[in-house]
Amino acid sequence: MARISGNRKVETVALKEVQPLTGYIRGGVTALASKKDYPVYLDETATLFEQIGVNLASLLPGASSTKSELVV
């Protein structure tokens, strides 16, 4: 992931930094339907599906993105 994204290294965010960074509580964070624009990298097999479901727990049940809404 680091090489593909042009970074030296990548790592997960510490739990205490999740809400201040993303605006979401733990368990409500999703890269495909966030409030802010973050770079998202998907495997090319994601293009095989017309829709990709997004699990936002109780925040927005049943959300999904169409293929045309994703930058691939």
N, C-alpha and C. Protein backbone atom coordinates (compact mmCIF):
# COMPACT_ATOMS: atom_id res chain seq x y z
N MET A 1 0.82 -1.17 0.00
CA MET A 1 0.00 0.00 0.00
C MET A 1 0.88 1.25 0.00
N ALA A 2 1.95 1.24 0.77
CA ALA A 2 2.83 2.42 0.82
C ALA A 2 3.39 2.73 -0.58
N ARG A 3 3.86 1.73 -1.25
CA ARG A 3 4.45 1.93 -2.58
C ARG A 3 3.40 2.45 -3.56
N ILE A 4 2.23 1.85 -3.56
CA ILE A 4 1.17 2.25 -4.49
C ILE A 4 0.71 3.68 -4.23
N SER A 5 0.65 4.08 -2.96
CA SER A 5 0.17 5.41 -2.61
C SER A 5 1.27 6.48 -2.64
N GLY A 6 2.50 6.06 -2.88
CA GLY A 6 3.60 7.01 -2.96
C GLY A 6 4.14 7.45 -1.61
N ASN A 7 3.92 6.64 -0.60
CA ASN A 7 4.40 6.95 0.74
C ASN A 7 5.51 5.99 1.15
N ARG A 8 6.30 6.41 2.14
CA ARG A 8 7.35 5.54 2.66
C ARG A 8 6.77 4.38 3.45
N LYS A 9 5.73 4.68 4.24
CA LYS A 9 5.08 3.63 5.02
C LYS A 9 3.64 4.04 5.26
N VAL A 10 2.81 3.07 5.58
CA VAL A 10 1.42 3.32 5.97
C VAL A 10 1.15 2.54 7.25
N GLU A 11 0.25 3.06 8.06
CA GLU A 11 -0.11 2.38 9.29
C GLU A 11 -1.52 2.78 9.67
N THR A 12 -2.12 1.99 10.53
CA THR A 12 -3.46 2.31 11.00
C THR A 12 -3.38 3.46 12.00
N VAL A 13 -4.48 4.15 12.14
CA VAL A 13 -4.55 5.27 13.06
C VAL A 13 -4.86 4.75 14.47
N ALA A 14 -4.23 5.35 15.47
CA ALA A 14 -4.51 4.96 16.85
C ALA A 14 -5.97 5.25 17.17
N LEU A 15 -6.59 4.39 17.95
CA LEU A 15 -8.01 4.51 18.27
C LEU A 15 -8.37 5.89 18.81
N LYS A 16 -7.54 6.47 19.66
CA LYS A 16 -7.85 7.79 20.22
C LYS A 16 -7.84 8.90 19.17
N GLU A 17 -7.25 8.66 18.01
CA GLU A 17 -7.18 9.66 16.94
C GLU A 17 -8.29 9.50 15.90
N VAL A 18 -9.03 8.41 15.95
CA VAL A 18 -10.03 8.13 14.92
C VAL A 18 -11.11 9.21 14.85
N GLN A 19 -11.77 9.53 15.94
CA GLN A 19 -12.86 10.50 15.89
C GLN A 19 -12.37 11.91 15.55
N PRO A 20 -11.29 12.42 16.15
CA PRO A 20 -10.83 13.76 15.76
C PRO A 20 -10.40 13.84 14.28
N LEU A 21 -9.85 12.76 13.77
CA LEU A 21 -9.36 12.75 12.39
C LEU A 21 -10.49 12.62 11.38
N THR A 22 -11.44 11.72 11.65
CA THR A 22 -12.48 11.40 10.66
C THR A 22 -13.83 12.03 10.94
N GLY A 23 -14.10 12.34 12.21
CA GLY A 23 -15.42 12.83 12.59
C GLY A 23 -16.39 11.71 12.91
N TYR A 24 -15.92 10.47 12.86
CA TYR A 24 -16.75 9.30 13.14
C TYR A 24 -16.29 8.61 14.40
N ILE A 25 -17.23 7.96 15.10
CA ILE A 25 -16.86 7.13 16.23
C ILE A 25 -16.29 5.81 15.71
N ARG A 26 -15.60 5.11 16.59
CA ARG A 26 -15.07 3.80 16.21
C ARG A 26 -16.22 2.90 15.77
N GLY A 27 -16.05 2.23 14.67
CA GLY A 27 -17.09 1.36 14.14
C GLY A 27 -17.96 2.05 13.11
N GLY A 28 -17.86 3.36 13.01
CA GLY A 28 -18.64 4.11 12.03
C GLY A 28 -17.79 4.66 10.91
N VAL A 29 -16.54 4.27 10.85
CA VAL A 29 -15.60 4.79 9.85
C VAL A 29 -15.65 3.91 8.60
N THR A 30 -15.83 4.53 7.47
CA THR A 30 -15.77 3.82 6.20
C THR A 30 -15.10 4.71 5.17
N ALA A 31 -14.24 4.15 4.37
CA ALA A 31 -13.52 4.92 3.37
C ALA A 31 -14.40 5.30 2.17
N LEU A 32 -15.45 4.52 1.92
CA LEU A 32 -16.25 4.74 0.71
C LEU A 32 -17.42 5.70 0.91
N ALA A 33 -17.65 6.18 2.11
CA ALA A 33 -18.76 7.11 2.33
C ALA A 33 -18.42 8.06 3.47
N SER A 34 -17.28 8.69 3.38
CA SER A 34 -16.83 9.55 4.48
C SER A 34 -17.22 11.00 4.25
N LYS A 35 -17.19 11.77 5.32
CA LYS A 35 -17.50 13.20 5.25
C LYS A 35 -16.40 13.97 4.54
N LYS A 36 -15.18 13.49 4.67
CA LYS A 36 -14.01 14.15 4.08
C LYS A 36 -13.49 13.31 2.93
N ASP A 37 -12.79 13.96 2.02
CA ASP A 37 -12.18 13.23 0.90
C ASP A 37 -10.82 12.68 1.33
N TYR A 38 -10.74 11.36 1.39
CA TYR A 38 -9.50 10.67 1.68
C TYR A 38 -9.15 9.82 0.46
N PRO A 39 -7.86 9.64 0.18
CA PRO A 39 -7.51 8.73 -0.91
C PRO A 39 -7.94 7.31 -0.56
N VAL A 40 -8.60 6.64 -1.48
CA VAL A 40 -9.08 5.28 -1.26
C VAL A 40 -8.56 4.42 -2.40
N TYR A 41 -8.00 3.28 -2.06
CA TYR A 41 -7.47 2.35 -3.05
C TYR A 41 -8.28 1.06 -2.98
N LEU A 42 -8.86 0.68 -4.10
CA LEU A 42 -9.65 -0.54 -4.18
C LEU A 42 -8.97 -1.52 -5.13
N ASP A 43 -9.12 -2.77 -4.85
CA ASP A 43 -8.65 -3.80 -5.75
C ASP A 43 -9.43 -3.70 -7.06
N GLU A 44 -8.80 -4.00 -8.17
CA GLU A 44 -9.47 -3.88 -9.47
C GLU A 44 -10.71 -4.75 -9.60
N THR A 45 -10.84 -5.78 -8.78
CA THR A 45 -12.04 -6.61 -8.85
C THR A 45 -13.29 -5.84 -8.41
N ALA A 46 -13.13 -4.70 -7.75
CA ALA A 46 -14.27 -3.88 -7.36
C ALA A 46 -15.04 -3.39 -8.59
N THR A 47 -14.37 -3.29 -9.72
CA THR A 47 -15.04 -2.84 -10.95
C THR A 47 -15.98 -3.89 -11.53
N LEU A 48 -15.92 -5.11 -11.02
CA LEU A 48 -16.79 -6.17 -11.50
C LEU A 48 -18.22 -6.03 -10.99
N PHE A 49 -18.43 -5.21 -9.98
CA PHE A 49 -19.73 -5.07 -9.34
C PHE A 49 -20.38 -3.75 -9.70
N GLU A 50 -21.68 -3.77 -9.93
CA GLU A 50 -22.42 -2.54 -10.23
C GLU A 50 -22.56 -1.66 -8.99
N GLN A 51 -22.71 -2.27 -7.82
CA GLN A 51 -22.81 -1.53 -6.57
C GLN A 51 -21.94 -2.19 -5.52
N ILE A 52 -21.41 -1.37 -4.63
CA ILE A 52 -20.63 -1.87 -3.51
C ILE A 52 -21.30 -1.36 -2.25
N GLY A 53 -21.70 -2.28 -1.39
CA GLY A 53 -22.38 -1.91 -0.15
C GLY A 53 -21.40 -1.34 0.87
N VAL A 54 -21.87 -0.38 1.64
CA VAL A 54 -21.05 0.25 2.66
C VAL A 54 -21.73 0.04 4.00
N ASN A 55 -21.01 -0.52 4.94
CA ASN A 55 -21.57 -0.76 6.26
C ASN A 55 -21.21 0.38 7.19
N LEU A 56 -22.21 1.16 7.58
CA LEU A 56 -21.99 2.27 8.50
C LEU A 56 -22.70 2.03 9.83
N ALA A 57 -22.82 0.79 10.18
CA ALA A 57 -23.51 0.41 11.42
C ALA A 57 -24.88 1.06 11.45
N SER A 58 -25.20 1.77 12.49
CA SER A 58 -26.53 2.37 12.59
C SER A 58 -26.57 3.78 12.04
N LEU A 59 -25.44 4.30 11.57
CA LEU A 59 -25.40 5.69 11.10
C LEU A 59 -26.16 5.89 9.79
N LEU A 60 -26.03 4.95 8.88
CA LEU A 60 -26.64 5.08 7.56
C LEU A 60 -26.86 3.69 6.98
N PRO A 61 -27.79 2.91 7.54
CA PRO A 61 -27.94 1.53 7.09
C PRO A 61 -28.33 1.43 5.62
N GLY A 62 -27.73 0.47 4.95
CA GLY A 62 -28.09 0.20 3.56
C GLY A 62 -27.47 1.13 2.55
N ALA A 63 -26.47 1.89 2.91
CA ALA A 63 -25.83 2.80 1.97
C ALA A 63 -25.02 2.00 0.96
N SER A 64 -24.92 2.52 -0.26
CA SER A 64 -24.09 1.88 -1.27
C SER A 64 -23.61 2.92 -2.26
N SER A 65 -22.57 2.57 -3.01
CA SER A 65 -22.04 3.43 -4.05
C SER A 65 -22.11 2.68 -5.38
N THR A 66 -22.47 3.39 -6.44
CA THR A 66 -22.47 2.76 -7.75
C THR A 66 -21.06 2.82 -8.32
N LYS A 67 -20.83 1.99 -9.32
CA LYS A 67 -19.52 1.93 -9.95
C LYS A 67 -19.10 3.28 -10.48
N SER A 68 -20.01 4.04 -11.07
CA SER A 68 -19.67 5.34 -11.63
C SER A 68 -19.33 6.37 -10.57
N GLU A 69 -19.76 6.15 -9.33
CA GLU A 69 -19.44 7.08 -8.24
C GLU A 69 -18.05 6.85 -7.67
N LEU A 70 -17.46 5.71 -7.98
CA LEU A 70 -16.13 5.39 -7.48
C LEU A 70 -15.08 5.83 -8.49
N VAL A 71 -14.01 6.41 -8.01
CA VAL A 71 -12.90 6.76 -8.88
C VAL A 71 -11.97 5.56 -8.90
N VAL A 72 -11.88 4.93 -10.04
CA VAL A 72 -11.10 3.69 -10.14
C VAL A 72 -9.93 3.91 -11.08
